[in-house]
Amino acid sequence: MYKLNDEVIGQVAKLVQIAILAGTDIVDNLRTLELVEEDNELFLSPEYKVNFENNLNTMMEDLNSSSKQDPTKDDTKFLDFSFNKS
């Protein structure tokens, strides 16, 4: 029997957050996880950590460059609760 290391549990939380923010399927995100076993405990593989950070940085750069290309686009605004007063 194996236990998940706290780092793995934290990574699952990050993957859920990314799925929500990016509108991607959480199952696909979870399939990317790569774990290694050590003393009956599962850890993130070193290669996975590097790849995840690189992919996250690329995603952030893409997001920043897309908002710079279209200054009217506000990616931080999901819902508009403003009311028109007539």
PDB file of N, CA and C in Angstrom:
ATOM      1  N   MET A   1       0.843  -1.160   0.000  1.00  0.00           N
ATOM      2  CA  MET A   1       0.000   0.000   0.000  1.00  0.00           C
ATOM      3  C   MET A   1       0.900   1.237   0.000  1.00  0.00           C
ATOM      4  N   TYR A   2       0.458   2.263  -0.762  1.00  0.00           N
ATOM      5  CA  TYR A   2       1.227   3.489  -0.868  1.00  0.00           C
ATOM      6  C   TYR A   2       0.426   4.670  -0.335  1.00  0.00           C
ATOM      7  N   LYS A   3       1.141   5.640   0.223  1.00  0.00           N
ATOM      8  CA  LYS A   3       0.524   6.889   0.669  1.00  0.00           C
ATOM      9  C   LYS A   3       0.998   7.997  -0.252  1.00  0.00           C
ATOM     10  N   LEU A   4       0.128   8.984  -0.473  1.00  0.00           N
ATOM     11  CA  LEU A   4       0.522  10.145  -1.262  1.00  0.00           C
ATOM     12  C   LEU A   4       1.264  11.128  -0.365  1.00  0.00           C
ATOM     13  N   ASN A   5       2.401  11.585  -0.831  1.00  0.00           N
ATOM     14  CA  ASN A   5       3.161  12.610  -0.144  1.00  0.00           C
ATOM     15  C   ASN A   5       2.371  13.913  -0.195  1.00  0.00           C
ATOM     16  N   ASP A   6       2.554  14.786   0.783  1.00  0.00           N
ATOM     17  CA  ASP A   6       1.834  16.065   0.831  1.00  0.00           C
ATOM     18  C   ASP A   6       2.034  16.891  -0.436  1.00  0.00           C
ATOM     19  N   GLU A   7       3.216  16.796  -1.022  1.00  0.00           N
ATOM     20  CA  GLU A   7       3.492  17.526  -2.256  1.00  0.00           C
ATOM     21  C   GLU A   7       2.567  17.049  -3.389  1.00  0.00           C
ATOM     22  N   VAL A   8       2.295  15.762  -3.445  1.00  0.00           N
ATOM     23  CA  VAL A   8       1.403  15.208  -4.460  1.00  0.00           C
ATOM     24  C   VAL A   8      -0.016  15.717  -4.237  1.00  0.00           C
ATOM     25  N   ILE A   9      -0.453  15.733  -3.005  1.00  0.00           N
ATOM     26  CA  ILE A   9      -1.802  16.222  -2.685  1.00  0.00           C
ATOM     27  C   ILE A   9      -1.921  17.696  -3.073  1.00  0.00           C
ATOM     28  N   GLY A  10      -0.904  18.473  -2.792  1.00  0.00           N
ATOM     29  CA  GLY A  10      -0.890  19.879  -3.195  1.00  0.00           C
ATOM     30  C   GLY A  10      -0.920  20.037  -4.706  1.00  0.00           C
ATOM     31  N   GLN A  11      -0.233  19.142  -5.403  1.00  0.00           N
ATOM     32  CA  GLN A  11      -0.212  19.196  -6.863  1.00  0.00           C
ATOM     33  C   GLN A  11      -1.590  18.886  -7.436  1.00  0.00           C
ATOM     34  N   VAL A  12      -2.299  17.950  -6.841  1.00  0.00           N
ATOM     35  CA  VAL A  12      -3.664  17.634  -7.283  1.00  0.00           C
ATOM     36  C   VAL A  12      -4.538  18.881  -7.130  1.00  0.00           C
ATOM     37  N   ALA A  13      -4.379  19.599  -6.035  1.00  0.00           N
ATOM     38  CA  ALA A  13      -5.142  20.838  -5.828  1.00  0.00           C
ATOM     39  C   ALA A  13      -4.809  21.857  -6.914  1.00  0.00           C
ATOM     40  N   LYS A  14      -3.526  21.996  -7.265  1.00  0.00           N
ATOM     41  CA  LYS A  14      -3.127  22.914  -8.330  1.00  0.00           C
ATOM     42  C   LYS A  14      -3.753  22.511  -9.659  1.00  0.00           C
ATOM     43  N   LEU A  15      -3.760  21.213  -9.928  1.00  0.00           N
ATOM     44  CA  LEU A  15      -4.334  20.737 -11.189  1.00  0.00           C
ATOM     45  C   LEU A  15      -5.831  21.024 -11.269  1.00  0.00           C
ATOM     46  N   VAL A  16      -6.529  20.911 -10.144  1.00  0.00           N
ATOM     47  CA  VAL A  16      -7.954  21.241 -10.114  1.00  0.00           C
ATOM     48  C   VAL A  16      -8.134  22.733 -10.391  1.00  0.00           C
ATOM     49  N   GLN A  17      -7.307  23.561  -9.771  1.00  0.00           N
ATOM     50  CA  GLN A  17      -7.390  25.010  -9.988  1.00  0.00           C
ATOM     51  C   GLN A  17      -7.131  25.365 -11.449  1.00  0.00           C
ATOM     52  N   ILE A  18      -6.131  24.761 -12.033  1.00  0.00           N
ATOM     53  CA  ILE A  18      -5.811  25.030 -13.436  1.00  0.00           C
ATOM     54  C   ILE A  18      -6.960  24.601 -14.333  1.00  0.00           C
ATOM     55  N   ALA A  19      -7.544  23.446 -14.038  1.00  0.00           N
ATOM     56  CA  ALA A  19      -8.670  22.969 -14.843  1.00  0.00           C
ATOM     57  C   ALA A  19      -9.829  23.957 -14.789  1.00  0.00           C
ATOM     58  N   ILE A  20     -10.093  24.497 -13.621  1.00  0.00           N
ATOM     59  CA  ILE A  20     -11.187  25.465 -13.470  1.00  0.00           C
ATOM     60  C   ILE A  20     -10.867  26.749 -14.224  1.00  0.00           C
ATOM     61  N   LEU A  21      -9.660  27.277 -14.030  1.00  0.00           N
ATOM     62  CA  LEU A  21      -9.288  28.540 -14.662  1.00  0.00           C
ATOM     63  C   LEU A  21      -9.161  28.434 -16.179  1.00  0.00           C
ATOM     64  N   ALA A  22      -8.616  27.326 -16.648  1.00  0.00           N
ATOM     65  CA  ALA A  22      -8.372  27.167 -18.081  1.00  0.00           C
ATOM     66  C   ALA A  22      -9.558  26.531 -18.802  1.00  0.00           C
ATOM     67  N   GLY A  23     -10.503  26.009 -18.041  1.00  0.00           N
ATOM     68  CA  GLY A  23     -11.646  25.355 -18.664  1.00  0.00           C
ATOM     69  C   GLY A  23     -11.286  24.026 -19.290  1.00  0.00           C
ATOM     70  N   THR A  24     -10.306  23.356 -18.711  1.00  0.00           N
ATOM     71  CA  THR A  24      -9.882  22.054 -19.234  1.00  0.00           C
ATOM     72  C   THR A  24     -10.457  20.936 -18.366  1.00  0.00           C
ATOM     73  N   ASP A  25     -10.395  19.742 -18.880  1.00  0.00           N
ATOM     74  CA  ASP A  25     -10.911  18.576 -18.173  1.00  0.00           C
ATOM     75  C   ASP A  25      -9.913  18.151 -17.095  1.00  0.00           C
ATOM     76  N   ILE A  26     -10.359  18.069 -15.862  1.00  0.00           N
ATOM     77  CA  ILE A  26      -9.473  17.696 -14.757  1.00  0.00           C
ATOM     78  C   ILE A  26      -8.876  16.311 -14.969  1.00  0.00           C
ATOM     79  N   VAL A  27      -9.621  15.429 -15.608  1.00  0.00           N
ATOM     80  CA  VAL A  27      -9.117  14.070 -15.856  1.00  0.00           C
ATOM     81  C   VAL A  27      -7.858  14.131 -16.714  1.00  0.00           C
ATOM     82  N   ASP A  28      -7.883  14.972 -17.745  1.00  0.00           N
ATOM     83  CA  ASP A  28      -6.696  15.117 -18.596  1.00  0.00           C
ATOM     84  C   ASP A  28      -5.521  15.665 -17.800  1.00  0.00           C
ATOM     85  N   ASN A  29      -5.795  16.619 -16.920  1.00  0.00           N
ATOM     86  CA  ASN A  29      -4.721  17.176 -16.095  1.00  0.00           C
ATOM     87  C   ASN A  29      -4.147  16.124 -15.156  1.00  0.00           C
ATOM     88  N   LEU A  30      -5.012  15.322 -14.554  1.00  0.00           N
ATOM     89  CA  LEU A  30      -4.534  14.291 -13.630  1.00  0.00           C
ATOM     90  C   LEU A  30      -3.727  13.216 -14.353  1.00  0.00           C
ATOM     91  N   ARG A  31      -4.047  12.977 -15.616  1.00  0.00           N
ATOM     92  CA  ARG A  31      -3.301  11.965 -16.383  1.00  0.00           C
ATOM     93  C   ARG A  31      -1.848  12.365 -16.592  1.00  0.00           C
ATOM     94  N   THR A  32      -1.544  13.640 -16.460  1.00  0.00           N
ATOM     95  CA  THR A  32      -0.165  14.090 -16.664  1.00  0.00           C
ATOM     96  C   THR A  32       0.721  13.799 -15.450  1.00  0.00           C
ATOM     97  N   LEU A  33       0.111  13.538 -14.297  1.00  0.00           N
ATOM     98  CA  LEU A  33       0.888  13.285 -13.076  1.00  0.00           C
ATOM     99  C   LEU A  33       1.859  12.122 -13.264  1.00  0.00           C
ATOM    100  N   GLU A  34       3.076  12.323 -12.827  1.00  0.00           N
ATOM    101  CA  GLU A  34       4.082  11.260 -12.834  1.00  0.00           C
ATOM    102  C   GLU A  34       4.623  11.126 -11.422  1.00  0.00           C
ATOM    103  N   LEU A  35       4.466   9.947 -10.867  1.00  0.00           N
ATOM    104  CA  LEU A  35       4.852   9.708  -9.477  1.00  0.00           C
ATOM    105  C   LEU A  35       5.955   8.664  -9.397  1.00  0.00           C
ATOM    106  N   VAL A  36       6.750   8.787  -8.360  1.00  0.00           N
ATOM    107  CA  VAL A  36       7.773   7.784  -8.064  1.00  0.00           C
ATOM    108  C   VAL A  36       7.559   7.292  -6.640  1.00  0.00           C
ATOM    109  N   GLU A  37       7.888   6.031  -6.410  1.00  0.00           N
ATOM    110  CA  GLU A  37       7.682   5.415  -5.096  1.00  0.00           C
ATOM    111  C   GLU A  37       9.004   5.375  -4.337  1.00  0.00           C
ATOM    112  N   GLU A  38       8.906   5.728  -3.076  1.00  0.00           N
ATOM    113  CA  GLU A  38      10.060   5.635  -2.195  1.00  0.00           C
ATOM    114  C   GLU A  38       9.557   5.353  -0.791  1.00  0.00           C
ATOM    115  N   ASP A  39       9.959   4.238  -0.220  1.00  0.00           N
ATOM    116  CA  ASP A  39       9.555   3.835   1.129  1.00  0.00           C
ATOM    117  C   ASP A  39       8.036   3.836   1.306  1.00  0.00           C
ATOM    118  N   ASN A  40       7.344   3.203   0.356  1.00  0.00           N
ATOM    119  CA  ASN A  40       5.874   3.078   0.386  1.00  0.00           C
ATOM    120  C   ASN A  40       5.140   4.418   0.365  1.00  0.00           C
ATOM    121  N   GLU A  41       5.792   5.443  -0.186  1.00  0.00           N
ATOM    122  CA  GLU A  41       5.172   6.753  -0.319  1.00  0.00           C
ATOM    123  C   GLU A  41       5.383   7.221  -1.758  1.00  0.00           C
ATOM    124  N   LEU A  42       4.363   7.877  -2.325  1.00  0.00           N
ATOM    125  CA  LEU A  42       4.445   8.359  -3.702  1.00  0.00           C
ATOM    126  C   LEU A  42       4.785   9.844  -3.720  1.00  0.00           C
ATOM    127  N   PHE A  43       5.784  10.188  -4.545  1.00  0.00           N
ATOM    128  CA  PHE A  43       6.270  11.549  -4.695  1.00  0.00           C
ATOM    129  C   PHE A  43       6.142  11.970  -6.160  1.00  0.00           C
ATOM    130  N   LEU A  44       6.132  13.277  -6.409  1.00  0.00           N
ATOM    131  CA  LEU A  44       6.186  13.768  -7.784  1.00  0.00           C
ATOM    132  C   LEU A  44       7.554  13.436  -8.362  1.00  0.00           C
ATOM    133  N   SER A  45       7.570  12.982  -9.616  1.00  0.00           N
ATOM    134  CA  SER A  45       8.869  12.698 -10.232  1.00  0.00           C
ATOM    135  C   SER A  45       9.580  14.027 -10.509  1.00  0.00           C
ATOM    136  N   PRO A  46      10.895  14.036 -10.424  1.00  0.00           N
ATOM    137  CA  PRO A  46      11.650  15.269 -10.682  1.00  0.00           C
ATOM    138  C   PRO A  46      11.383  15.822 -12.094  1.00  0.00           C
ATOM    139  N   GLU A  47      11.266  14.937 -13.083  1.00  0.00           N
ATOM    140  CA  GLU A  47      11.001  15.377 -14.455  1.00  0.00           C
ATOM    141  C   GLU A  47       9.630  16.038 -14.548  1.00  0.00           C
ATOM    142  N   TYR A  48       8.650  15.463 -13.857  1.00  0.00           N
ATOM    143  CA  TYR A  48       7.304  16.029 -13.870  1.00  0.00           C
ATOM    144  C   TYR A  48       7.308  17.450 -13.298  1.00  0.00           C
ATOM    145  N   LYS A  49       8.024  17.644 -12.193  1.00  0.00           N
ATOM    146  CA  LYS A  49       8.080  18.967 -11.562  1.00  0.00           C
ATOM    147  C   LYS A  49       8.613  20.015 -12.536  1.00  0.00           C
ATOM    148  N   VAL A  50       9.695  19.678 -13.220  1.00  0.00           N
ATOM    149  CA  VAL A  50      10.300  20.610 -14.175  1.00  0.00           C
ATOM    150  C   VAL A  50       9.334  20.881 -15.320  1.00  0.00           C
ATOM    151  N   ASN A  51       8.740  19.827 -15.879  1.00  0.00           N
ATOM    152  CA  ASN A  51       7.813  19.995 -16.995  1.00  0.00           C
ATOM    153  C   ASN A  51       6.587  20.808 -16.589  1.00  0.00           C
ATOM    154  N   PHE A  52       6.065  20.552 -15.399  1.00  0.00           N
ATOM    155  CA  PHE A  52       4.889  21.283 -14.940  1.00  0.00           C
ATOM    156  C   PHE A  52       5.198  22.767 -14.809  1.00  0.00           C
ATOM    157  N   GLU A  53       6.313  23.096 -14.185  1.00  0.00           N
ATOM    158  CA  GLU A  53       6.694  24.503 -14.010  1.00  0.00           C
ATOM    159  C   GLU A  53       6.904  25.186 -15.362  1.00  0.00           C
ATOM    160  N   ASN A  54       7.559  24.484 -16.302  1.00  0.00           N
ATOM    161  CA  ASN A  54       7.762  25.048 -17.634  1.00  0.00           C
ATOM    162  C   ASN A  54       6.431  25.292 -18.331  1.00  0.00           C
ATOM    163  N   ASN A  55       5.520  24.323 -18.253  1.00  0.00           N
ATOM    164  CA  ASN A  55       4.212  24.471 -18.884  1.00  0.00           C
ATOM    165  C   ASN A  55       3.408  25.594 -18.238  1.00  0.00           C
ATOM    166  N   LEU A  56       3.489  25.706 -16.933  1.00  0.00           N
ATOM    167  CA  LEU A  56       2.771  26.767 -16.224  1.00  0.00           C
ATOM    168  C   LEU A  56       3.322  28.143 -16.614  1.00  0.00           C
ATOM    169  N   ASN A  57       4.636  28.257 -16.695  1.00  0.00           N
ATOM    170  CA  ASN A  57       5.251  29.525 -17.108  1.00  0.00           C
ATOM    171  C   ASN A  57       4.849  29.888 -18.531  1.00  0.00           C
ATOM    172  N   THR A  58       4.830  28.910 -19.419  1.00  0.00           N
ATOM    173  CA  THR A  58       4.412  29.146 -20.800  1.00  0.00           C
ATOM    174  C   THR A  58       2.967  29.604 -20.855  1.00  0.00           C
ATOM    175  N   MET A  59       2.107  28.962 -20.063  1.00  0.00           N
ATOM    176  CA  MET A  59       0.698  29.335 -20.029  1.00  0.00           C
ATOM    177  C   MET A  59       0.547  30.776 -19.533  1.00  0.00           C
ATOM    178  N   MET A  60       1.285  31.161 -18.520  1.00  0.00           N
ATOM    179  CA  MET A  60       1.213  32.517 -17.987  1.00  0.00           C
ATOM    180  C   MET A  60       1.734  33.532 -19.006  1.00  0.00           C
ATOM    181  N   GLU A  61       2.810  33.199 -19.699  1.00  0.00           N
ATOM    182  CA  GLU A  61       3.340  34.088 -20.731  1.00  0.00           C
ATOM    183  C   GLU A  61       2.319  34.271 -21.854  1.00  0.00           C
ATOM    184  N   ASP A  62       1.681  33.178 -22.274  1.00  0.00           N
ATOM    185  CA  ASP A  62       0.657  33.252 -23.319  1.00  0.00           C
ATOM    186  C   ASP A  62      -0.503  34.124 -22.867  1.00  0.00           C
ATOM    187  N   LEU A  63      -0.900  33.969 -21.632  1.00  0.00           N
ATOM    188  CA  LEU A  63      -2.000  34.764 -21.093  1.00  0.00           C
ATOM    189  C   LEU A  63      -1.625  36.246 -21.062  1.00  0.00           C
ATOM    190  N   ASN A  64      -0.416  36.542 -20.612  1.00  0.00           N
ATOM    191  CA  ASN A  64       0.042  37.934 -20.560  1.00  0.00           C
ATOM    192  C   ASN A  64       0.165  38.540 -21.949  1.00  0.00           C
ATOM    193  N   SER A  65       0.687  37.783 -22.892  1.00  0.00           N
ATOM    194  CA  SER A  65       0.859  38.336 -24.232  1.00  0.00           C
ATOM    195  C   SER A  65      -0.486  38.511 -24.932  1.00  0.00           C
ATOM    196  N   SER A  66      -1.457  37.640 -24.670  1.00  0.00           N
ATOM    197  CA  SER A  66      -2.764  37.790 -25.308  1.00  0.00           C
ATOM    198  C   SER A  66      -3.502  39.000 -24.755  1.00  0.00           C
ATOM    199  N   SER A  67      -3.351  39.313 -23.453  1.00  0.00           N
ATOM    200  CA  SER A  67      -4.013  40.505 -22.933  1.00  0.00           C
ATOM    201  C   SER A  67      -3.309  41.774 -23.383  1.00  0.00           C
ATOM    202  N   LYS A  68      -2.023  41.714 -23.683  1.00  0.00           N
ATOM    203  CA  LYS A  68      -1.318  42.886 -24.192  1.00  0.00           C
ATOM    204  C   LYS A  68      -1.708  43.165 -25.642  1.00  0.00           C
ATOM    205  N   GLN A  69      -1.992  42.107 -26.404  1.00  0.00           N
ATOM    206  CA  GLN A  69      -2.387  42.280 -27.799  1.00  0.00           C
ATOM    207  C   GLN A  69      -3.771  42.897 -27.907  1.00  0.00           C
ATOM    208  N   ASP A  70      -4.657  42.586 -26.991  1.00  0.00           N
ATOM    209  CA  ASP A  70      -6.013  43.129 -27.003  1.00  0.00           C
ATOM    210  C   ASP A  70      -6.272  43.804 -25.669  1.00  0.00           C
ATOM    211  N   PRO A  71      -5.948  45.097 -25.558  1.00  0.00           N
ATOM    212  CA  PRO A  71      -6.077  45.775 -24.261  1.00  0.00           C
ATOM    213  C   PRO A  71      -7.514  45.872 -23.765  1.00  0.00           C
ATOM    214  N   THR A  72      -8.499  45.648 -24.649  1.00  0.00           N
ATOM    215  CA  THR A  72      -9.893  45.692 -24.196  1.00  0.00           C
ATOM    216  C   THR A  72     -10.299  44.397 -23.522  1.00  0.00           C
ATOM    217  N   LYS A  73      -9.494  43.395 -23.691  1.00  0.00           N
ATOM    218  CA  LYS A  73      -9.797  42.092 -23.087  1.00  0.00           C
ATOM    219  C   LYS A  73      -9.292  42.079 -21.658  1.00  0.00           C
ATOM    220  N   ASP A  74     -10.178  41.751 -20.731  1.00  0.00           N
ATOM    221  CA  ASP A  74      -9.822  41.689 -19.319  1.00  0.00           C
ATOM    222  C   ASP A  74     -10.042  40.260 -18.848  1.00  0.00           C
ATOM    223  N   ASP A  75      -8.950  39.470 -18.799  1.00  0.00           N
ATOM    224  CA  ASP A  75      -9.059  38.061 -18.418  1.00  0.00           C
ATOM    225  C   ASP A  75      -9.377  37.867 -16.946  1.00  0.00           C
ATOM    226  N   THR A  76      -9.264  38.915 -16.147  1.00  0.00           N
ATOM    227  CA  THR A  76      -9.515  38.765 -14.725  1.00  0.00           C
ATOM    228  C   THR A  76     -10.978  38.971 -14.385  1.00  0.00           C
ATOM    229  N   LYS A  77     -11.763  39.431 -15.336  1.00  0.00           N
ATOM    230  CA  LYS A  77     -13.169  39.725 -15.074  1.00  0.00           C
ATOM    231  C   LYS A  77     -14.025  38.569 -15.606  1.00  0.00           C
ATOM    232  N   PHE A  78     -14.594  37.789 -14.721  1.00  0.00           N
ATOM    233  CA  PHE A  78     -15.405  36.658 -15.132  1.00  0.00           C
ATOM    234  C   PHE A  78     -16.876  37.035 -15.185  1.00  0.00           C
ATOM    235  N   LEU A  79     -17.333  37.784 -14.217  1.00  0.00           N
ATOM    236  CA  LEU A  79     -18.733  38.175 -14.153  1.00  0.00           C
ATOM    237  C   LEU A  79     -18.823  39.681 -14.019  1.00  0.00           C
ATOM    238  N   ASP A  80     -19.788  40.263 -14.700  1.00  0.00           N
ATOM    239  CA  ASP A  80     -19.987  41.703 -14.623  1.00  0.00           C
ATOM    240  C   ASP A  80     -21.282  41.956 -13.876  1.00  0.00           C
ATOM    241  N   PHE A  81     -21.180  42.474 -12.658  1.00  0.00           N
ATOM    242  CA  PHE A  81     -22.349  42.734 -11.833  1.00  0.00           C
ATOM    243  C   PHE A  81     -22.744  44.211 -11.868  1.00  0.00           C
ATOM    244  N   SER A  82     -22.226  44.943 -12.863  1.00  0.00           N
ATOM    245  CA  SER A  82     -22.574  46.360 -12.938  1.00  0.00           C
ATOM    246  C   SER A  82     -24.005  46.514 -13.452  1.00  0.00           C
ATOM    247  N   PHE A  83     -24.638  47.585 -13.024  1.00  0.00           N
ATOM    248  CA  PHE A  83     -26.020  47.852 -13.418  1.00  0.00           C
ATOM    249  C   PHE A  83     -26.062  49.187 -14.146  1.00  0.00           C
ATOM    250  N   ASN A  84     -26.785  49.226 -15.236  1.00  0.00           N
ATOM    251  CA  ASN A  84     -26.972  50.478 -15.962  1.00  0.00           C
ATOM    252  C   ASN A  84     -28.078  51.259 -15.294  1.00  0.00           C
ATOM    253  N   LYS A  85     -27.759  52.467 -14.910  1.00  0.00           N
ATOM    254  CA  LYS A  85     -28.777  53.338 -14.304  1.00  0.00           C
ATOM    255  C   LYS A  85     -29.316  54.257 -15.389  1.00  0.00           C
ATOM    256  N   SER A  86     -30.572  54.116 -15.692  1.00  0.00           N
ATOM    257  CA  SER A  86     -31.179  54.937 -16.738  1.00  0.00           C
ATOM    258  C   SER A  86     -32.099  55.948 -16.136  1.00  0.00           C
TER     259      SER A  86
END
